[in-house]
Amino acid sequence: MKTTTTIETRWVKSSYSDNGGTCVEWAPAYASATGVVPVRDSKNPTGPSLNVPADAFTSFVTGIKTGPFATN
């Protein structure tokens, strides 16, 4: 017998996204449960999402925070 678990995809934006709605959303609960981080364009919530491995997403965020795009 196969059991299927449904994971709710609740989309969130960064608390830094106060720029008129042009931002990326992600689904942290889905990421925690699956190890895959779905991301999408907040202006197009019914459009496609991109699934990124959690370790790659973590590296991306770390690079933004510490690299040339970092804000102090």
PDB file of N, CA and C in Angstrom:
ATOM      1  N   MET A   1       0.832  -1.174   0.000  1.00  0.00           N
ATOM      2  CA  MET A   1       0.000   0.000   0.000  1.00  0.00           C
ATOM      3  C   MET A   1       0.883   1.247   0.000  1.00  0.00           C
ATOM      4  N   LYS A   2       0.618   2.135  -0.922  1.00  0.00           N
ATOM      5  CA  LYS A   2       1.407   3.357  -1.045  1.00  0.00           C
ATOM      6  C   LYS A   2       0.693   4.495  -0.328  1.00  0.00           C
ATOM      7  N   THR A   3       1.430   5.237   0.476  1.00  0.00           N
ATOM      8  CA  THR A   3       0.875   6.377   1.198  1.00  0.00           C
ATOM      9  C   THR A   3       1.392   7.657   0.555  1.00  0.00           C
ATOM     10  N   THR A   4       0.495   8.576   0.314  1.00  0.00           N
ATOM     11  CA  THR A   4       0.872   9.857  -0.266  1.00  0.00           C
ATOM     12  C   THR A   4       0.682  10.948   0.771  1.00  0.00           C
ATOM     13  N   THR A   5       1.674  11.796   0.902  1.00  0.00           N
ATOM     14  CA  THR A   5       1.592  12.920   1.824  1.00  0.00           C
ATOM     15  C   THR A   5       1.457  14.199   1.010  1.00  0.00           C
ATOM     16  N   THR A   6       0.487  15.004   1.371  1.00  0.00           N
ATOM     17  CA  THR A   6       0.304  16.283   0.699  1.00  0.00           C
ATOM     18  C   THR A   6       0.999  17.362   1.511  1.00  0.00           C
ATOM     19  N   ILE A   7       1.825  18.125   0.854  1.00  0.00           N
ATOM     20  CA  ILE A   7       2.548  19.213   1.496  1.00  0.00           C
ATOM     21  C   ILE A   7       1.988  20.516   0.952  1.00  0.00           C
ATOM     22  N   GLU A   8       1.523  21.353   1.847  1.00  0.00           N
ATOM     23  CA  GLU A   8       0.986  22.647   1.425  1.00  0.00           C
ATOM     24  C   GLU A   8       2.119  23.553   0.961  1.00  0.00           C
ATOM     25  N   THR A   9       1.907  24.173  -0.179  1.00  0.00           N
ATOM     26  CA  THR A   9       2.889  25.121  -0.699  1.00  0.00           C
ATOM     27  C   THR A   9       2.430  26.522  -0.337  1.00  0.00           C
ATOM     28  N   ARG A  10       2.892  26.999   0.802  1.00  0.00           N
ATOM     29  CA  ARG A  10       2.569  28.347   1.268  1.00  0.00           C
ATOM     30  C   ARG A  10       3.717  29.259   0.877  1.00  0.00           C
ATOM     31  N   TRP A  11       3.425  30.181  -0.007  1.00  0.00           N
ATOM     32  CA  TRP A  11       4.448  31.073  -0.557  1.00  0.00           C
ATOM     33  C   TRP A  11       4.683  32.263   0.361  1.00  0.00           C
ATOM     34  N   VAL A  12       5.940  32.652   0.509  1.00  0.00           N
ATOM     35  CA  VAL A  12       6.307  33.817   1.319  1.00  0.00           C
ATOM     36  C   VAL A  12       7.322  34.666   0.556  1.00  0.00           C
ATOM     37  N   LYS A  13       7.370  35.933   0.920  1.00  0.00           N
ATOM     38  CA  LYS A  13       8.361  36.862   0.376  1.00  0.00           C
ATOM     39  C   LYS A  13       9.306  37.265   1.493  1.00  0.00           C
ATOM     40  N   SER A  14      10.459  37.708   1.133  1.00  0.00           N
ATOM     41  CA  SER A  14      11.422  38.204   2.106  1.00  0.00           C
ATOM     42  C   SER A  14      10.854  39.422   2.816  1.00  0.00           C
ATOM     43  N   SER A  15      11.221  39.590   4.068  1.00  0.00           N
ATOM     44  CA  SER A  15      10.807  40.788   4.809  1.00  0.00           C
ATOM     45  C   SER A  15      11.449  42.037   4.216  1.00  0.00           C
ATOM     46  N   TYR A  16      12.456  41.870   3.379  1.00  0.00           N
ATOM     47  CA  TYR A  16      13.113  42.996   2.712  1.00  0.00           C
ATOM     48  C   TYR A  16      12.394  43.405   1.423  1.00  0.00           C
ATOM     49  N   SER A  17      11.343  42.693   1.070  1.00  0.00           N
ATOM     50  CA  SER A  17      10.649  42.922  -0.205  1.00  0.00           C
ATOM     51  C   SER A  17       9.570  43.992  -0.077  1.00  0.00           C
ATOM     52  N   ASP A  18       9.980  45.183   0.163  1.00  0.00           N
ATOM     53  CA  ASP A  18       9.041  46.301   0.265  1.00  0.00           C
ATOM     54  C   ASP A  18       9.290  47.252  -0.909  1.00  0.00           C
ATOM     55  N   ASN A  19       9.355  46.659  -2.115  1.00  0.00           N
ATOM     56  CA  ASN A  19       9.729  47.445  -3.283  1.00  0.00           C
ATOM     57  C   ASN A  19       8.627  47.496  -4.338  1.00  0.00           C
ATOM     58  N   GLY A  20       7.394  47.400  -3.938  1.00  0.00           N
ATOM     59  CA  GLY A  20       6.309  47.485  -4.900  1.00  0.00           C
ATOM     60  C   GLY A  20       5.891  46.162  -5.500  1.00  0.00           C
ATOM     61  N   GLY A  21       6.331  45.056  -4.956  1.00  0.00           N
ATOM     62  CA  GLY A  21       5.858  43.761  -5.387  1.00  0.00           C
ATOM     63  C   GLY A  21       6.705  43.043  -6.421  1.00  0.00           C
ATOM     64  N   THR A  22       7.836  43.588  -6.790  1.00  0.00           N
ATOM     65  CA  THR A  22       8.678  42.904  -7.759  1.00  0.00           C
ATOM     66  C   THR A  22       9.706  42.057  -7.030  1.00  0.00           C
ATOM     67  N   CYS A  23       9.297  40.884  -6.635  1.00  0.00           N
ATOM     68  CA  CYS A  23      10.198  40.042  -5.868  1.00  0.00           C
ATOM     69  C   CYS A  23       9.941  38.568  -6.162  1.00  0.00           C
ATOM     70  N   VAL A  24      10.756  37.752  -5.578  1.00  0.00           N
ATOM     71  CA  VAL A  24      10.657  36.311  -5.705  1.00  0.00           C
ATOM     72  C   VAL A  24      10.040  35.763  -4.430  1.00  0.00           C
ATOM     73  N   GLU A  25       9.169  34.773  -4.575  1.00  0.00           N
ATOM     74  CA  GLU A  25       8.584  34.084  -3.430  1.00  0.00           C
ATOM     75  C   GLU A  25       9.160  32.671  -3.368  1.00  0.00           C
ATOM     76  N   TRP A  26       9.144  32.111  -2.169  1.00  0.00           N
ATOM     77  CA  TRP A  26       9.574  30.738  -1.990  1.00  0.00           C
ATOM     78  C   TRP A  26       8.669  30.059  -0.980  1.00  0.00           C
ATOM     79  N   ALA A  27       8.755  28.740  -0.892  1.00  0.00           N
ATOM     80  CA  ALA A  27       7.865  27.967  -0.017  1.00  0.00           C
ATOM     81  C   ALA A  27       8.697  27.198   1.011  1.00  0.00           C
ATOM     82  N   PRO A  28       8.941  27.805   2.183  1.00  0.00           N
ATOM     83  CA  PRO A  28       9.839  27.187   3.164  1.00  0.00           C
ATOM     84  C   PRO A  28       9.351  25.854   3.730  1.00  0.00           C
ATOM     85  N   ALA A  29       8.051  25.681   3.959  1.00  0.00           N
ATOM     86  CA  ALA A  29       7.562  24.407   4.510  1.00  0.00           C
ATOM     87  C   ALA A  29       7.771  23.274   3.510  1.00  0.00           C
ATOM     88  N   TYR A  30       7.527  23.553   2.253  1.00  0.00           N
ATOM     89  CA  TYR A  30       7.752  22.560   1.204  1.00  0.00           C
ATOM     90  C   TYR A  30       9.240  22.220   1.129  1.00  0.00           C
ATOM     91  N   ALA A  31      10.075  23.244   1.223  1.00  0.00           N
ATOM     92  CA  ALA A  31      11.522  23.032   1.174  1.00  0.00           C
ATOM     93  C   ALA A  31      11.997  22.163   2.335  1.00  0.00           C
ATOM     94  N   SER A  32      11.485  22.423   3.522  1.00  0.00           N
ATOM     95  CA  SER A  32      11.879  21.638   4.699  1.00  0.00           C
ATOM     96  C   SER A  32      11.470  20.179   4.572  1.00  0.00           C
ATOM     97  N   ALA A  33      10.312  19.950   3.987  1.00  0.00           N
ATOM     98  CA  ALA A  33       9.790  18.589   3.875  1.00  0.00           C
ATOM     99  C   ALA A  33      10.429  17.788   2.746  1.00  0.00           C
ATOM    100  N   THR A  34      10.866  18.469   1.688  1.00  0.00           N
ATOM    101  CA  THR A  34      11.320  17.751   0.495  1.00  0.00           C
ATOM    102  C   THR A  34      12.789  17.944   0.140  1.00  0.00           C
ATOM    103  N   GLY A  35      13.423  18.992   0.647  1.00  0.00           N
ATOM    104  CA  GLY A  35      14.789  19.300   0.251  1.00  0.00           C
ATOM    105  C   GLY A  35      14.874  20.017  -1.084  1.00  0.00           C
ATOM    106  N   VAL A  36      13.710  20.447  -1.585  1.00  0.00           N
ATOM    107  CA  VAL A  36      13.620  21.186  -2.834  1.00  0.00           C
ATOM    108  C   VAL A  36      12.941  22.523  -2.550  1.00  0.00           C
ATOM    109  N   VAL A  37      13.541  23.614  -3.008  1.00  0.00           N
ATOM    110  CA  VAL A  37      13.002  24.946  -2.752  1.00  0.00           C
ATOM    111  C   VAL A  37      12.293  25.440  -4.013  1.00  0.00           C
ATOM    112  N   PRO A  38      10.952  25.533  -3.973  1.00  0.00           N
ATOM    113  CA  PRO A  38      10.258  26.116  -5.111  1.00  0.00           C
ATOM    114  C   PRO A  38      10.309  27.641  -5.026  1.00  0.00           C
ATOM    115  N   VAL A  39      10.604  28.282  -6.141  1.00  0.00           N
ATOM    116  CA  VAL A  39      10.616  29.743  -6.205  1.00  0.00           C
ATOM    117  C   VAL A  39       9.768  30.186  -7.400  1.00  0.00           C
ATOM    118  N   ARG A  40       9.150  31.360  -7.274  1.00  0.00           N
ATOM    119  CA  ARG A  40       8.326  31.892  -8.359  1.00  0.00           C
ATOM    120  C   ARG A  40       8.343  33.408  -8.332  1.00  0.00           C
ATOM    121  N   ASP A  41       7.885  33.992  -9.408  1.00  0.00           N
ATOM    122  CA  ASP A  41       7.760  35.440  -9.551  1.00  0.00           C
ATOM    123  C   ASP A  41       6.484  35.872  -8.833  1.00  0.00           C
ATOM    124  N   SER A  42       6.597  36.783  -7.875  1.00  0.00           N
ATOM    125  CA  SER A  42       5.423  37.207  -7.102  1.00  0.00           C
ATOM    126  C   SER A  42       4.386  37.939  -7.951  1.00  0.00           C
ATOM    127  N   LYS A  43       4.808  38.488  -9.081  1.00  0.00           N
ATOM    128  CA  LYS A  43       3.866  39.184  -9.963  1.00  0.00           C
ATOM    129  C   LYS A  43       3.046  38.208 -10.804  1.00  0.00           C
ATOM    130  N   ASN A  44       3.442  36.947 -10.838  1.00  0.00           N
ATOM    131  CA  ASN A  44       2.768  35.943 -11.650  1.00  0.00           C
ATOM    132  C   ASN A  44       2.524  34.677 -10.824  1.00  0.00           C
ATOM    133  N   PRO A  45       1.654  34.747  -9.812  1.00  0.00           N
ATOM    134  CA  PRO A  45       1.483  33.614  -8.901  1.00  0.00           C
ATOM    135  C   PRO A  45       0.893  32.362  -9.543  1.00  0.00           C
ATOM    136  N   THR A  46       0.257  32.487 -10.683  1.00  0.00           N
ATOM    137  CA  THR A  46      -0.267  31.294 -11.353  1.00  0.00           C
ATOM    138  C   THR A  46       0.691  30.779 -12.424  1.00  0.00           C
ATOM    139  N   GLY A  47       1.812  31.453 -12.573  1.00  0.00           N
ATOM    140  CA  GLY A  47       2.807  31.040 -13.557  1.00  0.00           C
ATOM    141  C   GLY A  47       3.666  29.905 -13.035  1.00  0.00           C
ATOM    142  N   PRO A  48       4.705  29.578 -13.774  1.00  0.00           N
ATOM    143  CA  PRO A  48       5.560  28.454 -13.390  1.00  0.00           C
ATOM    144  C   PRO A  48       6.419  28.763 -12.170  1.00  0.00           C
ATOM    145  N   SER A  49       6.853  27.704 -11.522  1.00  0.00           N
ATOM    146  CA  SER A  49       7.820  27.849 -10.435  1.00  0.00           C
ATOM    147  C   SER A  49       9.065  27.062 -10.819  1.00  0.00           C
ATOM    148  N   LEU A  50      10.154  27.430 -10.212  1.00  0.00           N
ATOM    149  CA  LEU A  50      11.435  26.783 -10.444  1.00  0.00           C
ATOM    150  C   LEU A  50      11.791  26.009  -9.182  1.00  0.00           C
ATOM    151  N   ASN A  51      12.099  24.729  -9.308  1.00  0.00           N
ATOM    152  CA  ASN A  51      12.478  23.910  -8.156  1.00  0.00           C
ATOM    153  C   ASN A  51      13.989  23.813  -8.083  1.00  0.00           C
ATOM    154  N   VAL A  52      14.542  24.276  -6.964  1.00  0.00           N
ATOM    155  CA  VAL A  52      15.991  24.346  -6.775  1.00  0.00           C
ATOM    156  C   VAL A  52      16.376  23.436  -5.609  1.00  0.00           C
ATOM    157  N   PRO A  53      17.402  22.606  -5.752  1.00  0.00           N
ATOM    158  CA  PRO A  53      17.861  21.822  -4.600  1.00  0.00           C
ATOM    159  C   PRO A  53      18.202  22.755  -3.427  1.00  0.00           C
ATOM    160  N   ALA A  54      17.849  22.328  -2.227  1.00  0.00           N
ATOM    161  CA  ALA A  54      18.015  23.175  -1.041  1.00  0.00           C
ATOM    162  C   ALA A  54      19.457  23.635  -0.850  1.00  0.00           C
ATOM    163  N   ASP A  55      20.432  22.764  -1.092  1.00  0.00           N
ATOM    164  CA  ASP A  55      21.828  23.181  -0.898  1.00  0.00           C
ATOM    165  C   ASP A  55      22.239  24.249  -1.907  1.00  0.00           C
ATOM    166  N   ALA A  56      21.735  24.177  -3.126  1.00  0.00           N
ATOM    167  CA  ALA A  56      22.037  25.205  -4.127  1.00  0.00           C
ATOM    168  C   ALA A  56      21.371  26.528  -3.751  1.00  0.00           C
ATOM    169  N   PHE A  57      20.155  26.469  -3.238  1.00  0.00           N
ATOM    170  CA  PHE A  57      19.456  27.681  -2.825  1.00  0.00           C
ATOM    171  C   PHE A  57      20.187  28.344  -1.656  1.00  0.00           C
ATOM    172  N   THR A  58      20.644  27.525  -0.708  1.00  0.00           N
ATOM    173  CA  THR A  58      21.408  28.046   0.434  1.00  0.00           C
ATOM    174  C   THR A  58      22.685  28.734  -0.040  1.00  0.00           C
ATOM    175  N   SER A  59      23.383  28.131  -0.980  1.00  0.00           N
ATOM    176  CA  SER A  59      24.595  28.747  -1.526  1.00  0.00           C
ATOM    177  C   SER A  59      24.281  30.062  -2.228  1.00  0.00           C
ATOM    178  N   PHE A  60      23.189  30.100  -2.959  1.00  0.00           N
ATOM    179  CA  PHE A  60      22.769  31.319  -3.649  1.00  0.00           C
ATOM    180  C   PHE A  60      22.497  32.447  -2.649  1.00  0.00           C
ATOM    181  N   VAL A  61      21.715  32.162  -1.622  1.00  0.00           N
ATOM    182  CA  VAL A  61      21.373  33.177  -0.616  1.00  0.00           C
ATOM    183  C   VAL A  61      22.629  33.642   0.118  1.00  0.00           C
ATOM    184  N   THR A  62      23.504  32.728   0.472  1.00  0.00           N
ATOM    185  CA  THR A  62      24.754  33.089   1.142  1.00  0.00           C
ATOM    186  C   THR A  62      25.590  34.001   0.250  1.00  0.00           C
ATOM    187  N   GLY A  63      25.655  33.676  -1.041  1.00  0.00           N
ATOM    188  CA  GLY A  63      26.402  34.500  -1.975  1.00  0.00           C
ATOM    189  C   GLY A  63      25.834  35.905  -2.098  1.00  0.00           C
ATOM    190  N   ILE A  64      24.524  36.018  -2.091  1.00  0.00           N
ATOM    191  CA  ILE A  64      23.891  37.342  -2.157  1.00  0.00           C
ATOM    192  C   ILE A  64      24.200  38.139  -0.886  1.00  0.00           C
ATOM    193  N   LYS A  65      24.122  37.469   0.251  1.00  0.00           N
ATOM    194  CA  LYS A  65      24.338  38.166   1.526  1.00  0.00           C
ATOM    195  C   LYS A  65      25.789  38.593   1.731  1.00  0.00           C
ATOM    196  N   THR A  66      26.725  37.837   1.174  1.00  0.00           N
ATOM    197  CA  THR A  66      28.142  38.114   1.463  1.00  0.00           C
ATOM    198  C   THR A  66      28.938  38.599   0.259  1.00  0.00           C
ATOM    199  N   GLY A  67      28.365  38.515  -0.922  1.00  0.00           N
ATOM    200  CA  GLY A  67      29.070  38.883  -2.144  1.00  0.00           C
ATOM    201  C   GLY A  67      28.870  40.340  -2.524  1.00  0.00           C
ATOM    202  N   PRO A  68      29.084  40.641  -3.792  1.00  0.00           N
ATOM    203  CA  PRO A  68      29.024  42.030  -4.260  1.00  0.00           C
ATOM    204  C   PRO A  68      27.631  42.672  -4.170  1.00  0.00           C
ATOM    205  N   PHE A  69      26.589  41.859  -4.013  1.00  0.00           N
ATOM    206  CA  PHE A  69      25.238  42.404  -3.888  1.00  0.00           C
ATOM    207  C   PHE A  69      24.849  42.694  -2.450  1.00  0.00           C
ATOM    208  N   ALA A  70      25.722  42.370  -1.513  1.00  0.00           N
ATOM    209  CA  ALA A  70      25.411  42.553  -0.089  1.00  0.00           C
ATOM    210  C   ALA A  70      25.181  44.024   0.248  1.00  0.00           C
ATOM    211  N   THR A  71      24.205  44.256   1.120  1.00  0.00           N
ATOM    212  CA  THR A  71      23.956  45.601   1.607  1.00  0.00           C
ATOM    213  C   THR A  71      24.374  45.655   3.066  1.00  0.00           C
ATOM    214  N   ASN A  72      25.035  46.682   3.439  1.00  0.00           N
ATOM    215  CA  ASN A  72      25.502  46.787   4.835  1.00  0.00           C
ATOM    216  C   ASN A  72      24.677  47.753   5.614  1.00  0.00           C
TER     217      ASN A  72
END
